[in-house]
Amino acid sequence: SPMPLAPTAPVVDPLAALRGAFAILDAWGASADEARAILGSPAERTYYAWKNGQAARVPADTLRRIGYLAGIYKALQILYSDATLADTWVRRPNQDFGGQAPLERMRAGDVTDLAAVRAYLDAARAPWS
């Protein structure tokens, strides 16, 4: 059976999910290469079709990745009252990721890399939740 997107994830409209993902990636200043890797390395043509709001189908893996992306973004907005600090966190070197920036970890290519960043933020938030 397929893995659920996230606990109790609602059924998502793929185009709305992609719009949200691109808005987050833009806020983070992600390059096209970074964004493609984070979204699961679709073909360049597919990537630009998605960016232009055209999606015949979006793989479950990409939707899972977008779910993590949204969770990471939301966690950062909660942790940092300053939106600029929240958005730049992904670019700051982090000793918990071997000195690399979280965005580097996210673009490593595997959905588990996104999950690791999400889990790190959930743990950071835990004392206050």
N, C-alpha and C. Protein backbone atom coordinates (compact mmCIF):
# COMPACT_ATOMS: atom_id res chain seq x y z
N SER A 1 0.85 -1.19 0.00
CA SER A 1 0.00 0.00 0.00
C SER A 1 0.89 1.24 0.00
N PRO A 2 0.48 2.29 -0.70
CA PRO A 2 1.33 3.48 -0.77
C PRO A 2 1.45 4.17 0.59
N MET A 3 2.59 4.80 0.80
CA MET A 3 2.81 5.53 2.04
C MET A 3 1.95 6.76 2.05
N PRO A 4 1.34 7.08 3.19
CA PRO A 4 0.55 8.33 3.22
C PRO A 4 1.49 9.53 3.13
N LEU A 5 0.96 10.64 2.60
CA LEU A 5 1.75 11.86 2.48
C LEU A 5 2.32 12.28 3.83
N ALA A 6 1.45 12.35 4.80
CA ALA A 6 1.81 12.76 6.15
C ALA A 6 0.62 12.33 7.00
N PRO A 7 0.79 12.30 8.29
CA PRO A 7 -0.35 11.91 9.12
C PRO A 7 -1.56 12.78 8.79
N THR A 8 -2.69 12.15 8.56
CA THR A 8 -3.96 12.81 8.27
C THR A 8 -3.85 13.90 7.19
N ALA A 9 -3.04 13.64 6.18
CA ALA A 9 -2.92 14.62 5.10
C ALA A 9 -4.20 14.63 4.26
N PRO A 10 -4.72 15.82 3.99
CA PRO A 10 -5.90 15.89 3.14
C PRO A 10 -5.50 15.55 1.70
N VAL A 11 -6.48 15.19 0.90
CA VAL A 11 -6.21 14.95 -0.52
C VAL A 11 -5.82 16.30 -1.11
N VAL A 12 -4.69 16.32 -1.81
CA VAL A 12 -4.22 17.61 -2.32
C VAL A 12 -4.43 17.75 -3.81
N ASP A 13 -4.68 18.97 -4.22
CA ASP A 13 -4.73 19.33 -5.63
C ASP A 13 -3.27 19.51 -6.04
N PRO A 14 -2.78 18.67 -6.97
CA PRO A 14 -1.37 18.74 -7.34
C PRO A 14 -0.90 20.12 -7.78
N LEU A 15 -1.73 20.83 -8.53
CA LEU A 15 -1.33 22.17 -8.99
C LEU A 15 -1.22 23.13 -7.82
N ALA A 16 -2.14 23.04 -6.86
CA ALA A 16 -2.07 23.90 -5.67
C ALA A 16 -0.83 23.54 -4.85
N ALA A 17 -0.54 22.25 -4.75
CA ALA A 17 0.64 21.80 -4.01
C ALA A 17 1.91 22.35 -4.66
N LEU A 18 1.98 22.27 -5.98
CA LEU A 18 3.15 22.79 -6.69
C LEU A 18 3.28 24.31 -6.53
N ARG A 19 2.14 25.02 -6.61
CA ARG A 19 2.18 26.48 -6.42
C ARG A 19 2.75 26.81 -5.05
N GLY A 20 2.29 26.09 -4.03
CA GLY A 20 2.78 26.30 -2.67
C GLY A 20 4.26 26.00 -2.57
N ALA A 21 4.70 24.90 -3.19
CA ALA A 21 6.11 24.51 -3.15
C ALA A 21 6.98 25.57 -3.80
N PHE A 22 6.57 26.08 -4.95
CA PHE A 22 7.37 27.09 -5.64
C PHE A 22 7.40 28.39 -4.84
N ALA A 23 6.31 28.72 -4.16
CA ALA A 23 6.30 29.93 -3.33
C ALA A 23 7.32 29.79 -2.19
N ILE A 24 7.37 28.61 -1.57
CA ILE A 24 8.33 28.36 -0.49
C ILE A 24 9.75 28.40 -1.03
N LEU A 25 10.00 27.70 -2.13
CA LEU A 25 11.34 27.65 -2.71
C LEU A 25 11.81 29.04 -3.13
N ASP A 26 10.88 29.87 -3.63
CA ASP A 26 11.22 31.25 -3.99
C ASP A 26 11.57 32.05 -2.73
N ALA A 27 10.79 31.87 -1.67
CA ALA A 27 11.04 32.58 -0.41
C ALA A 27 12.43 32.23 0.12
N TRP A 28 12.86 31.00 -0.11
CA TRP A 28 14.16 30.53 0.35
C TRP A 28 15.29 30.89 -0.63
N GLY A 29 14.93 31.45 -1.78
CA GLY A 29 15.94 31.82 -2.77
C GLY A 29 16.59 30.61 -3.42
N ALA A 30 15.85 29.50 -3.52
CA ALA A 30 16.40 28.29 -4.12
C ALA A 30 16.60 28.46 -5.62
N SER A 31 17.72 27.98 -6.12
CA SER A 31 17.98 28.01 -7.56
C SER A 31 17.11 26.94 -8.23
N ALA A 32 17.03 26.99 -9.56
CA ALA A 32 16.28 25.97 -10.29
C ALA A 32 16.86 24.58 -10.01
N ASP A 33 18.18 24.47 -9.97
CA ASP A 33 18.81 23.17 -9.69
C ASP A 33 18.46 22.66 -8.30
N GLU A 34 18.50 23.56 -7.31
CA GLU A 34 18.14 23.17 -5.95
C GLU A 34 16.67 22.74 -5.89
N ALA A 35 15.82 23.55 -6.50
CA ALA A 35 14.38 23.26 -6.48
C ALA A 35 14.08 21.93 -7.16
N ARG A 36 14.71 21.67 -8.29
CA ARG A 36 14.48 20.40 -8.99
C ARG A 36 14.88 19.22 -8.12
N ALA A 37 16.05 19.32 -7.48
CA ALA A 37 16.53 18.22 -6.64
C ALA A 37 15.56 17.98 -5.48
N ILE A 38 15.10 19.06 -4.86
CA ILE A 38 14.19 18.95 -3.72
C ILE A 38 12.86 18.34 -4.14
N LEU A 39 12.42 18.65 -5.35
CA LEU A 39 11.14 18.12 -5.84
C LEU A 39 11.25 16.71 -6.43
N GLY A 40 12.45 16.12 -6.36
CA GLY A 40 12.60 14.74 -6.83
C GLY A 40 13.24 14.59 -8.18
N SER A 41 13.93 15.64 -8.63
CA SER A 41 14.65 15.62 -9.91
C SER A 41 13.80 15.25 -11.12
N PRO A 42 12.69 15.96 -11.33
CA PRO A 42 11.92 15.72 -12.56
C PRO A 42 12.76 16.18 -13.76
N ALA A 43 12.39 15.71 -14.94
CA ALA A 43 13.04 16.20 -16.16
C ALA A 43 12.89 17.71 -16.21
N GLU A 44 13.87 18.37 -16.82
CA GLU A 44 13.86 19.84 -16.87
C GLU A 44 12.56 20.37 -17.48
N ARG A 45 12.13 19.69 -18.54
CA ARG A 45 10.90 20.11 -19.23
C ARG A 45 9.69 20.00 -18.29
N THR A 46 9.63 18.90 -17.53
CA THR A 46 8.55 18.69 -16.57
C THR A 46 8.60 19.75 -15.49
N TYR A 47 9.81 20.03 -14.98
CA TYR A 47 9.99 21.03 -13.93
C TYR A 47 9.43 22.39 -14.37
N TYR A 48 9.78 22.81 -15.58
CA TYR A 48 9.31 24.12 -16.04
C TYR A 48 7.81 24.12 -16.34
N ALA A 49 7.28 22.99 -16.75
CA ALA A 49 5.83 22.89 -16.94
C ALA A 49 5.14 23.07 -15.58
N TRP A 50 5.67 22.39 -14.56
CA TRP A 50 5.12 22.53 -13.19
C TRP A 50 5.20 23.97 -12.74
N LYS A 51 6.35 24.61 -12.97
CA LYS A 51 6.55 25.99 -12.52
C LYS A 51 5.57 26.92 -13.22
N ASN A 52 5.20 26.58 -14.44
CA ASN A 52 4.24 27.40 -15.20
C ASN A 52 2.79 26.98 -14.96
N GLY A 53 2.57 26.14 -13.96
CA GLY A 53 1.20 25.78 -13.60
C GLY A 53 0.58 24.72 -14.48
N GLN A 54 1.41 23.93 -15.17
CA GLN A 54 0.89 22.85 -16.01
C GLN A 54 1.40 21.52 -15.46
N ALA A 55 0.49 20.70 -14.99
CA ALA A 55 0.91 19.41 -14.46
C ALA A 55 -0.10 18.36 -14.88
N ALA A 56 0.30 17.49 -15.79
CA ALA A 56 -0.57 16.39 -16.19
C ALA A 56 -0.71 15.45 -15.00
N ARG A 57 0.45 15.11 -14.40
CA ARG A 57 0.42 14.31 -13.18
C ARG A 57 1.66 14.62 -12.37
N VAL A 58 1.49 14.53 -11.07
CA VAL A 58 2.61 14.78 -10.16
C VAL A 58 2.83 13.49 -9.38
N PRO A 59 4.03 12.92 -9.45
CA PRO A 59 4.28 11.65 -8.75
C PRO A 59 4.02 11.75 -7.25
N ALA A 60 3.61 10.64 -6.67
CA ALA A 60 3.36 10.58 -5.22
C ALA A 60 4.62 10.99 -4.46
N ASP A 61 5.79 10.62 -4.97
CA ASP A 61 7.05 10.98 -4.30
C ASP A 61 7.19 12.50 -4.22
N THR A 62 6.85 13.19 -5.30
CA THR A 62 6.96 14.66 -5.31
C THR A 62 5.95 15.27 -4.34
N LEU A 63 4.75 14.73 -4.30
CA LEU A 63 3.73 15.24 -3.37
C LEU A 63 4.18 15.02 -1.93
N ARG A 64 4.84 13.89 -1.66
CA ARG A 64 5.39 13.62 -0.31
C ARG A 64 6.44 14.66 0.03
N ARG A 65 7.30 14.95 -0.94
CA ARG A 65 8.35 15.95 -0.74
C ARG A 65 7.75 17.33 -0.45
N ILE A 66 6.69 17.67 -1.18
CA ILE A 66 6.03 18.97 -0.97
C ILE A 66 5.41 19.02 0.42
N GLY A 67 4.90 17.89 0.89
CA GLY A 67 4.36 17.82 2.25
C GLY A 67 5.42 18.13 3.29
N TYR A 68 6.62 17.57 3.10
CA TYR A 68 7.73 17.87 4.01
C TYR A 68 8.14 19.33 3.90
N LEU A 69 8.22 19.83 2.68
CA LEU A 69 8.59 21.22 2.43
C LEU A 69 7.65 22.16 3.18
N ALA A 70 6.35 21.91 3.06
CA ALA A 70 5.35 22.74 3.73
C ALA A 70 5.52 22.65 5.24
N GLY A 71 5.81 21.45 5.75
CA GLY A 71 6.00 21.28 7.19
C GLY A 71 7.24 22.01 7.69
N ILE A 72 8.31 21.98 6.90
CA ILE A 72 9.55 22.67 7.26
C ILE A 72 9.30 24.18 7.28
N TYR A 73 8.63 24.66 6.24
CA TYR A 73 8.34 26.09 6.15
C TYR A 73 7.50 26.55 7.35
N LYS A 74 6.45 25.79 7.65
CA LYS A 74 5.55 26.15 8.74
C LYS A 74 6.28 26.12 10.08
N ALA A 75 7.11 25.09 10.30
CA ALA A 75 7.87 24.99 11.55
C ALA A 75 8.79 26.20 11.72
N LEU A 76 9.42 26.63 10.62
CA LEU A 76 10.32 27.78 10.69
C LEU A 76 9.55 29.06 11.01
N GLN A 77 8.35 29.19 10.45
CA GLN A 77 7.53 30.38 10.72
C GLN A 77 7.13 30.42 12.20
N ILE A 78 6.94 29.23 12.79
CA ILE A 78 6.58 29.15 14.21
C ILE A 78 7.80 29.43 15.10
N LEU A 79 8.96 28.87 14.71
CA LEU A 79 10.17 29.04 15.52
C LEU A 79 10.70 30.47 15.50
N TYR A 80 10.57 31.13 14.35
CA TYR A 80 11.11 32.49 14.20
C TYR A 80 9.97 33.46 13.95
N SER A 81 9.80 34.42 14.84
CA SER A 81 8.75 35.41 14.63
C SER A 81 9.10 36.32 13.46
N ASP A 82 10.40 36.41 13.14
CA ASP A 82 10.86 37.23 12.03
C ASP A 82 10.91 36.38 10.75
N ALA A 83 10.09 36.74 9.76
CA ALA A 83 10.00 35.95 8.52
C ALA A 83 11.34 35.85 7.80
N THR A 84 12.15 36.91 7.85
CA THR A 84 13.46 36.89 7.18
C THR A 84 14.38 35.86 7.84
N LEU A 85 14.37 35.82 9.17
CA LEU A 85 15.17 34.81 9.88
C LEU A 85 14.69 33.41 9.52
N ALA A 86 13.38 33.23 9.47
CA ALA A 86 12.80 31.92 9.12
C ALA A 86 13.25 31.50 7.73
N ASP A 87 13.18 32.43 6.77
CA ASP A 87 13.50 32.08 5.38
C ASP A 87 15.00 31.90 5.15
N THR A 88 15.85 32.57 5.94
CA THR A 88 17.29 32.45 5.72
C THR A 88 17.90 31.27 6.51
N TRP A 89 17.14 30.69 7.44
CA TRP A 89 17.64 29.56 8.24
C TRP A 89 18.13 28.43 7.34
N VAL A 90 17.42 28.17 6.26
CA VAL A 90 17.78 27.05 5.38
C VAL A 90 19.14 27.23 4.71
N ARG A 91 19.63 28.46 4.67
CA ARG A 91 20.91 28.75 4.01
C ARG A 91 22.08 28.85 4.99
N ARG A 92 21.78 28.86 6.29
CA ARG A 92 22.85 29.02 7.29
C ARG A 92 23.47 27.67 7.63
N PRO A 93 24.83 27.59 7.64
CA PRO A 93 25.48 26.33 8.02
C PRO A 93 25.00 25.89 9.40
N ASN A 94 24.81 24.58 9.54
CA ASN A 94 24.25 24.04 10.77
C ASN A 94 25.08 22.84 11.22
N GLN A 95 25.64 22.92 12.43
CA GLN A 95 26.51 21.85 12.90
C GLN A 95 25.76 20.52 12.99
N ASP A 96 24.43 20.56 13.17
CA ASP A 96 23.66 19.32 13.26
C ASP A 96 23.53 18.63 11.89
N PHE A 97 23.88 19.34 10.83
CA PHE A 97 23.88 18.74 9.49
C PHE A 97 25.32 18.69 8.96
N GLY A 98 26.25 18.42 9.87
CA GLY A 98 27.66 18.29 9.48
C GLY A 98 28.25 19.58 8.95
N GLY A 99 27.71 20.71 9.40
CA GLY A 99 28.23 22.00 8.97
C GLY A 99 27.63 22.51 7.67
N GLN A 100 26.81 21.68 7.02
CA GLN A 100 26.20 22.16 5.77
C GLN A 100 24.88 22.86 6.10
N ALA A 101 24.43 23.67 5.16
CA ALA A 101 23.15 24.35 5.33
C ALA A 101 22.02 23.34 5.15
N PRO A 102 20.92 23.52 5.88
CA PRO A 102 19.78 22.60 5.73
C PRO A 102 19.31 22.46 4.27
N LEU A 103 19.38 23.54 3.49
CA LEU A 103 18.97 23.45 2.08
C LEU A 103 19.84 22.46 1.32
N GLU A 104 21.15 22.44 1.66
CA GLU A 104 22.05 21.46 1.03
C GLU A 104 21.60 20.04 1.37
N ARG A 105 21.24 19.82 2.63
CA ARG A 105 20.77 18.51 3.04
C ARG A 105 19.49 18.15 2.29
N MET A 106 18.58 19.12 2.17
CA MET A 106 17.30 18.86 1.49
C MET A 106 17.49 18.51 0.02
N ARG A 107 18.52 19.11 -0.60
CA ARG A 107 18.70 18.87 -2.03
C ARG A 107 19.56 17.65 -2.31
N ALA A 108 19.95 16.92 -1.25
CA ALA A 108 20.80 15.73 -1.44
C ALA A 108 20.12 14.68 -2.32
N GLY A 109 18.81 14.76 -2.44
CA GLY A 109 18.15 13.92 -3.43
C GLY A 109 17.13 12.92 -2.91
N ASP A 110 17.25 12.53 -1.64
CA ASP A 110 16.32 11.52 -1.15
C ASP A 110 15.25 12.17 -0.28
N VAL A 111 14.06 11.61 -0.33
CA VAL A 111 12.96 12.16 0.48
C VAL A 111 13.32 12.10 1.97
N THR A 112 14.17 11.15 2.37
CA THR A 112 14.58 11.05 3.78
C THR A 112 15.41 12.27 4.20
N ASP A 113 16.05 12.94 3.24
CA ASP A 113 16.81 14.15 3.57
C ASP A 113 15.86 15.27 3.99
N LEU A 114 14.73 15.36 3.33
CA LEU A 114 13.69 16.33 3.71
C LEU A 114 13.10 15.94 5.06
N ALA A 115 12.86 14.64 5.24
CA ALA A 115 12.30 14.15 6.50
C ALA A 115 13.23 14.47 7.67
N ALA A 116 14.54 14.37 7.45
CA ALA A 116 15.52 14.65 8.51
C ALA A 116 15.46 16.11 8.96
N VAL A 117 15.34 17.02 8.00
CA VAL A 117 15.26 18.45 8.34
C VAL A 117 13.95 18.72 9.07
N ARG A 118 12.87 18.12 8.61
CA ARG A 118 11.57 18.28 9.27
C ARG A 118 11.62 17.76 10.71
N ALA A 119 12.21 16.58 10.90
CA ALA A 119 12.30 15.98 12.24
C ALA A 119 13.15 16.86 13.16
N TYR A 120 14.22 17.42 12.63
CA TYR A 120 15.10 18.31 13.41
C TYR A 120 14.30 19.51 13.92
N LEU A 121 13.50 20.12 13.03
CA LEU A 121 12.71 21.29 13.42
C LEU A 121 11.60 20.92 14.40
N ASP A 122 10.99 19.75 14.19
CA ASP A 122 9.95 19.31 15.13
C ASP A 122 10.55 19.11 16.52
N ALA A 123 11.77 18.58 16.59
CA ALA A 123 12.44 18.38 17.88
C ALA A 123 12.78 19.73 18.51
N ALA A 124 13.21 20.69 17.69
CA ALA A 124 13.57 22.01 18.19
C ALA A 124 12.34 22.73 18.77
N ARG A 125 11.20 22.43 18.19
CA ARG A 125 9.94 23.08 18.59
C ARG A 125 9.31 22.43 19.80
N ALA A 126 9.63 21.16 20.02
CA ALA A 126 8.95 20.35 21.03
C ALA A 126 8.82 21.00 22.42
N PRO A 127 9.88 21.61 22.95
CA PRO A 127 9.75 22.16 24.30
C PRO A 127 8.65 23.21 24.44
N TRP A 128 8.31 23.87 23.35
CA TRP A 128 7.32 24.95 23.43
C TRP A 128 5.93 24.54 22.96
N SER A 129 5.82 23.35 22.40
CA SER A 129 4.50 23.00 21.82
C SER A 129 3.55 22.46 22.88
